[in-house]
Amino acid sequence: MTITKLSEVEISSAIAQLSGWAVVDGKLQKNFKFRDFVEAFGFISRIAIIADKMGHHPELFNAYNKVKIDLTTHDVGGLSALDFELAQKIDKLPY
């Protein structure tokens, strides 16, 4: 399967299917807030399992009860369908 960089039109169409995600500095980004550090870290762990199965690894940032996720496809130098697929899977996780 060949992964390609999405055009601005394709990105606009794909992001319209998501809730709370935005393109920031060329990356698909969303912030989450939890009750405490353990919930936040558990969420990160669930993302790690999904991402590893996809072979597509996000940039994850954690500060106590906050998690910031940045998605990009380094191999294409921008956003690809993989980023939006992973975002949809993340949004299905309980939080």
PDB file of N, CA and C in Angstrom:
ATOM      1  N   MET A   1       0.842  -1.191   0.000  1.00  0.00           N
ATOM      2  CA  MET A   1       0.000   0.000   0.000  1.00  0.00           C
ATOM      3  C   MET A   1       0.881   1.246   0.000  1.00  0.00           C
ATOM      4  N   THR A   2       0.622   2.137  -0.923  1.00  0.00           N
ATOM      5  CA  THR A   2       1.382   3.375  -1.011  1.00  0.00           C
ATOM      6  C   THR A   2       0.665   4.471  -0.238  1.00  0.00           C
ATOM      7  N   ILE A   3       1.405   5.107   0.651  1.00  0.00           N
ATOM      8  CA  ILE A   3       0.861   6.210   1.441  1.00  0.00           C
ATOM      9  C   ILE A   3       1.273   7.510   0.756  1.00  0.00           C
ATOM     10  N   THR A   4       0.311   8.400   0.552  1.00  0.00           N
ATOM     11  CA  THR A   4       0.607   9.676  -0.087  1.00  0.00           C
ATOM     12  C   THR A   4       0.159  10.842   0.791  1.00  0.00           C
ATOM     13  N   LYS A   5       0.825  11.944   0.581  1.00  0.00           N
ATOM     14  CA  LYS A   5       0.477  13.179   1.288  1.00  0.00           C
ATOM     15  C   LYS A   5      -0.854  13.697   0.757  1.00  0.00           C
ATOM     16  N   LEU A   6      -1.747  14.078   1.669  1.00  0.00           N
ATOM     17  CA  LEU A   6      -3.053  14.596   1.279  1.00  0.00           C
ATOM     18  C   LEU A   6      -2.960  16.049   0.852  1.00  0.00           C
ATOM     19  N   SER A   7      -3.811  16.433  -0.083  1.00  0.00           N
ATOM     20  CA  SER A   7      -3.902  17.828  -0.510  1.00  0.00           C
ATOM     21  C   SER A   7      -4.692  18.616   0.540  1.00  0.00           C
ATOM     22  N   GLU A   8      -4.669  19.931   0.427  1.00  0.00           N
ATOM     23  CA  GLU A   8      -5.434  20.779   1.348  1.00  0.00           C
ATOM     24  C   GLU A   8      -6.934  20.471   1.254  1.00  0.00           C
ATOM     25  N   VAL A   9      -7.418  20.206   0.062  1.00  0.00           N
ATOM     26  CA  VAL A   9      -8.837  19.871  -0.130  1.00  0.00           C
ATOM     27  C   VAL A   9      -9.153  18.547   0.566  1.00  0.00           C
ATOM     28  N   GLU A  10      -8.294  17.560   0.401  1.00  0.00           N
ATOM     29  CA  GLU A  10      -8.511  16.257   1.046  1.00  0.00           C
ATOM     30  C   GLU A  10      -8.453  16.386   2.572  1.00  0.00           C
ATOM     31  N   ILE A  11      -7.542  17.215   3.070  1.00  0.00           N
ATOM     32  CA  ILE A  11      -7.430  17.434   4.519  1.00  0.00           C
ATOM     33  C   ILE A  11      -8.703  18.094   5.042  1.00  0.00           C
ATOM     34  N   SER A  12      -9.190  19.111   4.344  1.00  0.00           N
ATOM     35  CA  SER A  12     -10.422  19.801   4.762  1.00  0.00           C
ATOM     36  C   SER A  12     -11.606  18.846   4.808  1.00  0.00           C
ATOM     37  N   SER A  13     -11.693  17.985   3.827  1.00  0.00           N
ATOM     38  CA  SER A  13     -12.777  17.007   3.783  1.00  0.00           C
ATOM     39  C   SER A  13     -12.657  15.997   4.923  1.00  0.00           C
ATOM     40  N   ALA A  14     -11.448  15.511   5.167  1.00  0.00           N
ATOM     41  CA  ALA A  14     -11.225  14.492   6.203  1.00  0.00           C
ATOM     42  C   ALA A  14     -11.427  15.059   7.601  1.00  0.00           C
ATOM     43  N   ILE A  15     -10.978  16.278   7.841  1.00  0.00           N
ATOM     44  CA  ILE A  15     -11.095  16.849   9.189  1.00  0.00           C
ATOM     45  C   ILE A  15     -12.548  17.158   9.530  1.00  0.00           C
ATOM     46  N   ALA A  16     -13.368  17.377   8.517  1.00  0.00           N
ATOM     47  CA  ALA A  16     -14.799  17.625   8.744  1.00  0.00           C
ATOM     48  C   ALA A  16     -15.490  16.400   9.342  1.00  0.00           C
ATOM     49  N   GLN A  17     -14.868  15.235   9.203  1.00  0.00           N
ATOM     50  CA  GLN A  17     -15.424  13.990   9.739  1.00  0.00           C
ATOM     51  C   GLN A  17     -15.022  13.755  11.193  1.00  0.00           C
ATOM     52  N   LEU A  18     -14.160  14.618  11.723  1.00  0.00           N
ATOM     53  CA  LEU A  18     -13.644  14.454  13.090  1.00  0.00           C
ATOM     54  C   LEU A  18     -14.205  15.533  14.001  1.00  0.00           C
ATOM     55  N   SER A  19     -14.144  15.274  15.303  1.00  0.00           N
ATOM     56  CA  SER A  19     -14.600  16.243  16.289  1.00  0.00           C
ATOM     57  C   SER A  19     -13.437  16.660  17.192  1.00  0.00           C
ATOM     58  N   GLY A  20     -13.173  17.960  17.229  1.00  0.00           N
ATOM     59  CA  GLY A  20     -12.173  18.476  18.151  1.00  0.00           C
ATOM     60  C   GLY A  20     -10.738  18.459  17.644  1.00  0.00           C
ATOM     61  N   TRP A  21     -10.518  17.954  16.445  1.00  0.00           N
ATOM     62  CA  TRP A  21      -9.178  17.914  15.868  1.00  0.00           C
ATOM     63  C   TRP A  21      -8.960  19.170  15.036  1.00  0.00           C
ATOM     64  N   ALA A  22      -7.703  19.626  14.980  1.00  0.00           N
ATOM     65  CA  ALA A  22      -7.343  20.786  14.164  1.00  0.00           C
ATOM     66  C   ALA A  22      -5.971  20.546  13.561  1.00  0.00           C
ATOM     67  N   VAL A  23      -5.715  21.215  12.474  1.00  0.00           N
ATOM     68  CA  VAL A  23      -4.371  21.169  11.896  1.00  0.00           C
ATOM     69  C   VAL A  23      -3.585  22.327  12.505  1.00  0.00           C
ATOM     70  N   VAL A  24      -2.517  21.981  13.205  1.00  0.00           N
ATOM     71  CA  VAL A  24      -1.659  22.961  13.875  1.00  0.00           C
ATOM     72  C   VAL A  24      -0.222  22.690  13.452  1.00  0.00           C
ATOM     73  N   ASP A  25       0.398  23.671  12.855  1.00  0.00           N
ATOM     74  CA  ASP A  25       1.780  23.525  12.377  1.00  0.00           C
ATOM     75  C   ASP A  25       1.943  22.295  11.487  1.00  0.00           C
ATOM     76  N   GLY A  26       0.951  22.043  10.644  1.00  0.00           N
ATOM     77  CA  GLY A  26       1.024  20.945   9.691  1.00  0.00           C
ATOM     78  C   GLY A  26       0.744  19.567  10.267  1.00  0.00           C
ATOM     79  N   LYS A  27       0.332  19.516  11.530  1.00  0.00           N
ATOM     80  CA  LYS A  27       0.025  18.236  12.185  1.00  0.00           C
ATOM     81  C   LYS A  27      -1.431  18.227  12.614  1.00  0.00           C
ATOM     82  N   LEU A  28      -2.020  17.049  12.629  1.00  0.00           N
ATOM     83  CA  LEU A  28      -3.379  16.871  13.129  1.00  0.00           C
ATOM     84  C   LEU A  28      -3.279  16.783  14.643  1.00  0.00           C
ATOM     85  N   GLN A  29      -3.960  17.682  15.350  1.00  0.00           N
ATOM     86  CA  GLN A  29      -3.755  17.793  16.795  1.00  0.00           C
ATOM     87  C   GLN A  29      -5.079  17.820  17.559  1.00  0.00           C
ATOM     88  N   LYS A  30      -5.040  17.181  18.743  1.00  0.00           N
ATOM     89  CA  LYS A  30      -6.180  17.241  19.658  1.00  0.00           C
ATOM     90  C   LYS A  30      -5.649  17.163  21.085  1.00  0.00           C
ATOM     91  N   ASN A  31      -6.324  17.881  21.971  1.00  0.00           N
ATOM     92  CA  ASN A  31      -5.982  17.884  23.395  1.00  0.00           C
ATOM     93  C   ASN A  31      -7.087  17.211  24.192  1.00  0.00           C
ATOM     94  N   PHE A  32      -6.685  16.456  25.198  1.00  0.00           N
ATOM     95  CA  PHE A  32      -7.617  15.733  26.058  1.00  0.00           C
ATOM     96  C   PHE A  32      -7.307  16.078  27.515  1.00  0.00           C
ATOM     97  N   LYS A  33      -8.327  16.063  28.359  1.00  0.00           N
ATOM     98  CA  LYS A  33      -8.139  16.301  29.795  1.00  0.00           C
ATOM     99  C   LYS A  33      -8.852  15.193  30.564  1.00  0.00           C
ATOM    100  N   PHE A  34      -8.178  14.674  31.578  1.00  0.00           N
ATOM    101  CA  PHE A  34      -8.680  13.560  32.384  1.00  0.00           C
ATOM    102  C   PHE A  34      -8.752  13.954  33.853  1.00  0.00           C
ATOM    103  N   ARG A  35      -9.318  13.070  34.663  1.00  0.00           N
ATOM    104  CA  ARG A  35      -9.417  13.350  36.096  1.00  0.00           C
ATOM    105  C   ARG A  35      -8.058  13.401  36.767  1.00  0.00           C
ATOM    106  N   ASP A  36      -7.146  12.522  36.317  1.00  0.00           N
ATOM    107  CA  ASP A  36      -5.846  12.462  36.977  1.00  0.00           C
ATOM    108  C   ASP A  36      -4.801  11.847  36.043  1.00  0.00           C
ATOM    109  N   PHE A  37      -3.593  11.726  36.544  1.00  0.00           N
ATOM    110  CA  PHE A  37      -2.475  11.212  35.767  1.00  0.00           C
ATOM    111  C   PHE A  37      -2.695   9.765  35.331  1.00  0.00           C
ATOM    112  N   VAL A  38      -3.241   8.933  36.215  1.00  0.00           N
ATOM    113  CA  VAL A  38      -3.433   7.517  35.891  1.00  0.00           C
ATOM    114  C   VAL A  38      -4.394   7.358  34.715  1.00  0.00           C
ATOM    115  N   GLU A  39      -5.496   8.109  34.705  1.00  0.00           N
ATOM    116  CA  GLU A  39      -6.429   8.035  33.574  1.00  0.00           C
ATOM    117  C   GLU A  39      -5.762   8.503  32.284  1.00  0.00           C
ATOM    118  N   ALA A  40      -5.006   9.578  32.372  1.00  0.00           N
ATOM    119  CA  ALA A  40      -4.326  10.104  31.189  1.00  0.00           C
ATOM    120  C   ALA A  40      -3.323   9.085  30.651  1.00  0.00           C
ATOM    121  N   PHE A  41      -2.560   8.490  31.541  1.00  0.00           N
ATOM    122  CA  PHE A  41      -1.545   7.530  31.112  1.00  0.00           C
ATOM    123  C   PHE A  41      -2.189   6.254  30.566  1.00  0.00           C
ATOM    124  N   GLY A  42      -3.301   5.841  31.145  1.00  0.00           N
ATOM    125  CA  GLY A  42      -4.029   4.684  30.629  1.00  0.00           C
ATOM    126  C   GLY A  42      -4.513   4.934  29.211  1.00  0.00           C
ATOM    127  N   PHE A  43      -4.981   6.142  28.949  1.00  0.00           N
ATOM    128  CA  PHE A  43      -5.425   6.534  27.603  1.00  0.00           C
ATOM    129  C   PHE A  43      -4.257   6.454  26.626  1.00  0.00           C
ATOM    130  N   ILE A  44      -3.113   6.967  27.029  1.00  0.00           N
ATOM    131  CA  ILE A  44      -1.912   6.901  26.192  1.00  0.00           C
ATOM    132  C   ILE A  44      -1.548   5.447  25.901  1.00  0.00           C
ATOM    133  N   SER A  45      -1.658   4.589  26.884  1.00  0.00           N
ATOM    134  CA  SER A  45      -1.329   3.167  26.700  1.00  0.00           C
ATOM    135  C   SER A  45      -2.245   2.511  25.681  1.00  0.00           C
ATOM    136  N   ARG A  46      -3.527   2.842  25.724  1.00  0.00           N
ATOM    137  CA  ARG A  46      -4.469   2.284  24.746  1.00  0.00           C
ATOM    138  C   ARG A  46      -4.158   2.788  23.331  1.00  0.00           C
ATOM    139  N   ILE A  47      -3.782   4.050  23.237  1.00  0.00           N
ATOM    140  CA  ILE A  47      -3.380   4.598  21.931  1.00  0.00           C
ATOM    141  C   ILE A  47      -2.146   3.869  21.415  1.00  0.00           C
ATOM    142  N   ALA A  48      -1.195   3.621  22.289  1.00  0.00           N
ATOM    143  CA  ALA A  48       0.050   2.959  21.882  1.00  0.00           C
ATOM    144  C   ALA A  48      -0.212   1.592  21.266  1.00  0.00           C
ATOM    145  N   ILE A  49      -1.135   0.842  21.830  1.00  0.00           N
ATOM    146  CA  ILE A  49      -1.454  -0.493  21.310  1.00  0.00           C
ATOM    147  C   ILE A  49      -2.056  -0.384  19.908  1.00  0.00           C
ATOM    148  N   ILE A  50      -3.005   0.524  19.729  1.00  0.00           N
ATOM    149  CA  ILE A  50      -3.638   0.717  18.419  1.00  0.00           C
ATOM    150  C   ILE A  50      -2.608   1.186  17.397  1.00  0.00           C
ATOM    151  N   ALA A  51      -1.828   2.190  17.769  1.00  0.00           N
ATOM    152  CA  ALA A  51      -0.844   2.767  16.854  1.00  0.00           C
ATOM    153  C   ALA A  51       0.193   1.738  16.433  1.00  0.00           C
ATOM    154  N   ASP A  52       0.627   0.915  17.371  1.00  0.00           N
ATOM    155  CA  ASP A  52       1.637  -0.081  17.038  1.00  0.00           C
ATOM    156  C   ASP A  52       1.086  -1.115  16.055  1.00  0.00           C
ATOM    157  N   LYS A  53      -0.163  -1.511  16.237  1.00  0.00           N
ATOM    158  CA  LYS A  53      -0.792  -2.450  15.301  1.00  0.00           C
ATOM    159  C   LYS A  53      -0.895  -1.847  13.899  1.00  0.00           C
ATOM    160  N   MET A  54      -1.084  -0.536  13.829  1.00  0.00           N
ATOM    161  CA  MET A  54      -1.167   0.152  12.540  1.00  0.00           C
ATOM    162  C   MET A  54       0.216   0.424  11.943  1.00  0.00           C
ATOM    163  N   GLY A  55       1.241   0.367  12.788  1.00  0.00           N
ATOM    164  CA  GLY A  55       2.572   0.741  12.340  1.00  0.00           C
ATOM    165  C   GLY A  55       2.675   2.239  12.079  1.00  0.00           C
ATOM    166  N   HIS A  56       1.867   3.002  12.809  1.00  0.00           N
ATOM    167  CA  HIS A  56       1.803   4.459  12.622  1.00  0.00           C
ATOM    168  C   HIS A  56       1.798   5.108  14.001  1.00  0.00           C
ATOM    169  N   HIS A  57       2.895   5.720  14.378  1.00  0.00           N
ATOM    170  CA  HIS A  57       3.089   6.147  15.760  1.00  0.00           C
ATOM    171  C   HIS A  57       2.937   7.656  15.941  1.00  0.00           C
ATOM    172  N   PRO A  58       2.030   8.063  16.821  1.00  0.00           N
ATOM    173  CA  PRO A  58       1.771   9.484  17.053  1.00  0.00           C
ATOM    174  C   PRO A  58       2.812  10.111  17.974  1.00  0.00           C
ATOM    175  N   GLU A  59       2.806  11.421  17.994  1.00  0.00           N
ATOM    176  CA  GLU A  59       3.575  12.175  18.973  1.00  0.00           C
ATOM    177  C   GLU A  59       2.618  12.413  20.139  1.00  0.00           C
ATOM    178  N   LEU A  60       2.972  11.874  21.297  1.00  0.00           N
ATOM    179  CA  LEU A  60       2.115  11.961  22.483  1.00  0.00           C
ATOM    180  C   LEU A  60       2.811  12.792  23.556  1.00  0.00           C
ATOM    181  N   PHE A  61       2.080  13.733  24.139  1.00  0.00           N
ATOM    182  CA  PHE A  61       2.623  14.592  25.182  1.00  0.00           C
ATOM    183  C   PHE A  61       1.700  14.519  26.390  1.00  0.00           C
ATOM    184  N   ASN A  62       2.273  14.307  27.560  1.00  0.00           N
ATOM    185  CA  ASN A  62       1.486  14.151  28.786  1.00  0.00           C
ATOM    186  C   ASN A  62       2.017  15.079  29.870  1.00  0.00           C
ATOM    187  N   ALA A  63       1.120  15.835  30.475  1.00  0.00           N
ATOM    188  CA  ALA A  63       1.431  16.651  31.651  1.00  0.00           C
ATOM    189  C   ALA A  63       0.300  16.434  32.644  1.00  0.00           C
ATOM    190  N   TYR A  64       0.573  15.655  33.670  1.00  0.00           N
ATOM    191  CA  TYR A  64      -0.375  15.254  34.701  1.00  0.00           C
ATOM    192  C   TYR A  64      -1.654  14.702  34.097  1.00  0.00           C
ATOM    193  N   ASN A  65      -2.734  15.479  34.043  1.00  0.00           N
ATOM    194  CA  ASN A  65      -4.014  14.952  33.548  1.00  0.00           C
ATOM    195  C   ASN A  65      -4.328  15.393  32.117  1.00  0.00           C
ATOM    196  N   LYS A  66      -3.340  15.930  31.432  1.00  0.00           N
ATOM    197  CA  LYS A  66      -3.552  16.413  30.066  1.00  0.00           C
ATOM    198  C   LYS A  66      -2.725  15.598  29.080  1.00  0.00           C
ATOM    199  N   VAL A  67      -3.341  15.338  27.918  1.00  0.00           N
ATOM    200  CA  VAL A  67      -2.660  14.617  26.844  1.00  0.00           C
ATOM    201  C   VAL A  67      -2.860  15.418  25.563  1.00  0.00           C
ATOM    202  N   LYS A  68      -1.752  15.674  24.874  1.00  0.00           N
ATOM    203  CA  LYS A  68      -1.810  16.314  23.560  1.00  0.00           C
ATOM    204  C   LYS A  68      -1.305  15.298  22.551  1.00  0.00           C
ATOM    205  N   ILE A  69      -2.042  15.161  21.452  1.00  0.00           N
ATOM    206  CA  ILE A  69      -1.676  14.223  20.400  1.00  0.00           C
ATOM    207  C   ILE A  69      -1.424  14.999  19.118  1.00  0.00           C
ATOM    208  N   ASP A  70      -0.288  14.738  18.503  1.00  0.00           N
ATOM    209  CA  ASP A  70       0.030  15.277  17.181  1.00  0.00           C
ATOM    210  C   ASP A  70       0.192  14.100  16.236  1.00  0.00           C
ATOM    211  N   LEU A  71      -0.502  14.156  15.114  1.00  0.00           N
ATOM    212  CA  LEU A  71      -0.403  13.108  14.099  1.00  0.00           C
ATOM    213  C   LEU A  71       0.165  13.704  12.814  1.00  0.00           C
ATOM    214  N   THR A  72       1.124  13.009  12.247  1.00  0.00           N
ATOM    215  CA  THR A  72       1.702  13.367  10.959  1.00  0.00           C
ATOM    216  C   THR A  72       2.346  12.118  10.386  1.00  0.00           C
ATOM    217  N   THR A  73       2.509  12.099   9.089  1.00  0.00           N
ATOM    218  CA  THR A  73       3.165  10.969   8.442  1.00  0.00           C
ATOM    219  C   THR A  73       4.523  11.451   7.953  1.00  0.00           C
ATOM    220  N   HIS A  74       5.542  11.138   8.733  1.00  0.00           N
ATOM    221  CA  HIS A  74       6.895  11.619   8.438  1.00  0.00           C
ATOM    222  C   HIS A  74       7.374  11.169   7.063  1.00  0.00           C
ATOM    223  N   ASP A  75       6.988   9.963   6.655  1.00  0.00           N
ATOM    224  CA  ASP A  75       7.443   9.416   5.369  1.00  0.00           C
ATOM    225  C   ASP A  75       6.985  10.252   4.170  1.00  0.00           C
ATOM    226  N   VAL A  76       5.861  10.973   4.311  1.00  0.00           N
ATOM    227  CA  VAL A  76       5.369  11.780   3.195  1.00  0.00           C
ATOM    228  C   VAL A  76       5.533  13.280   3.447  1.00  0.00           C
ATOM    229  N   GLY A  77       6.030  13.624   4.629  1.00  0.00           N
ATOM    230  CA  GLY A  77       6.245  15.032   4.943  1.00  0.00           C
ATOM    231  C   GLY A  77       4.974  15.821   5.148  1.00  0.00           C
ATOM    232  N   GLY A  78       3.967  15.199   5.720  1.00  0.00           N
ATOM    233  CA  GLY A  78       2.698  15.881   5.970  1.00  0.00           C
ATOM    234  C   GLY A  78       1.635  14.906   6.415  1.00  0.00           C
ATOM    235  N   LEU A  79       0.409  15.265   6.180  1.00  0.00           N
ATOM    236  CA  LEU A  79      -0.722  14.433   6.610  1.00  0.00           C
ATOM    237  C   LEU A  79      -1.113  13.433   5.528  1.00  0.00           C
ATOM    238  N   SER A  80      -1.438  12.226   5.981  1.00  0.00           N
ATOM    239  CA  SER A  80      -1.904  11.164   5.086  1.00  0.00           C
ATOM    240  C   SER A  80      -3.188  10.581   5.641  1.00  0.00           C
ATOM    241  N   ALA A  81      -3.779   9.669   4.891  1.00  0.00           N
ATOM    242  CA  ALA A  81      -4.993   8.985   5.347  1.00  0.00           C
ATOM    243  C   ALA A  81      -4.749   8.242   6.658  1.00  0.00           C
ATOM    244  N   LEU A  82      -3.523   7.786   6.888  1.00  0.00           N
ATOM    245  CA  LEU A  82      -3.211   7.083   8.144  1.00  0.00           C
ATOM    246  C   LEU A  82      -3.462   7.964   9.358  1.00  0.00           C
ATOM    247  N   ASP A  83      -3.140   9.245   9.250  1.00  0.00           N
ATOM    248  CA  ASP A  83      -3.350  10.157  10.382  1.00  0.00           C
ATOM    249  C   ASP A  83      -4.825  10.271  10.732  1.00  0.00           C
ATOM    250  N   PHE A  84      -5.655  10.360   9.714  1.00  0.00           N
ATOM    251  CA  PHE A  84      -7.088  10.491   9.958  1.00  0.00           C
ATOM    252  C   PHE A  84      -7.704   9.177  10.426  1.00  0.00           C
ATOM    253  N   GLU A  85      -7.186   8.060   9.943  1.00  0.00           N
ATOM    254  CA  GLU A  85      -7.644   6.749  10.415  1.00  0.00           C
ATOM    255  C   GLU A  85      -7.305   6.573  11.892  1.00  0.00           C
ATOM    256  N   LEU A  86      -6.092   6.939  12.279  1.00  0.00           N
ATOM    257  CA  LEU A  86      -5.706   6.823  13.687  1.00  0.00           C
ATOM    258  C   LEU A  86      -6.526   7.778  14.551  1.00  0.00           C
ATOM    259  N   ALA A  87      -6.772   8.994  14.081  1.00  0.00           N
ATOM    260  CA  ALA A  87      -7.595   9.947  14.837  1.00  0.00           C
ATOM    261  C   ALA A  87      -8.984   9.381  15.093  1.00  0.00           C
ATOM    262  N   GLN A  88      -9.573   8.747  14.081  1.00  0.00           N
ATOM    263  CA  GLN A  88     -10.905   8.148  14.263  1.00  0.00           C
ATOM    264  C   GLN A  88     -10.862   7.029  15.306  1.00  0.00           C
ATOM    265  N   LYS A  89      -9.821   6.229  15.295  1.00  0.00           N
ATOM    266  CA  LYS A  89      -9.695   5.151  16.276  1.00  0.00           C
ATOM    267  C   LYS A  89      -9.498   5.712  17.680  1.00  0.00           C
ATOM    268  N   ILE A  90      -8.722   6.776  17.802  1.00  0.00           N
ATOM    269  CA  ILE A  90      -8.512   7.407  19.103  1.00  0.00           C
ATOM    270  C   ILE A  90      -9.838   7.954  19.632  1.00  0.00           C
ATOM    271  N   ASP A  91     -10.623   8.555  18.755  1.00  0.00           N
ATOM    272  CA  ASP A  91     -11.903   9.128  19.179  1.00  0.00           C
ATOM    273  C   ASP A  91     -12.893   8.071  19.656  1.00  0.00           C
ATOM    274  N   LYS A  92     -12.705   6.827  19.261  1.00  0.00           N
ATOM    275  CA  LYS A  92     -13.594   5.750  19.714  1.00  0.00           C
ATOM    276  C   LYS A  92     -13.218   5.218  21.085  1.00  0.00           C
ATOM    277  N   LEU A  93     -12.036   5.599  21.588  1.00  0.00           N
ATOM    278  CA  LEU A  93     -11.608   5.137  22.918  1.00  0.00           C
ATOM    279  C   LEU A  93     -12.403   5.889  23.988  1.00  0.00           C
ATOM    280  N   PRO A  94     -12.747   5.213  25.071  1.00  0.00           N
ATOM    281  CA  PRO A  94     -13.430   5.929  26.158  1.00  0.00           C
ATOM    282  C   PRO A  94     -12.478   6.909  26.841  1.00  0.00           C
ATOM    283  N   TYR A  95     -12.977   8.087  27.108  1.00  0.00           N
ATOM    284  CA  TYR A  95     -12.209   9.084  27.866  1.00  0.00           C
ATOM    285  C   TYR A  95     -13.124  10.073  28.535  1.00  0.00           C
TER     286      TYR A  95
END
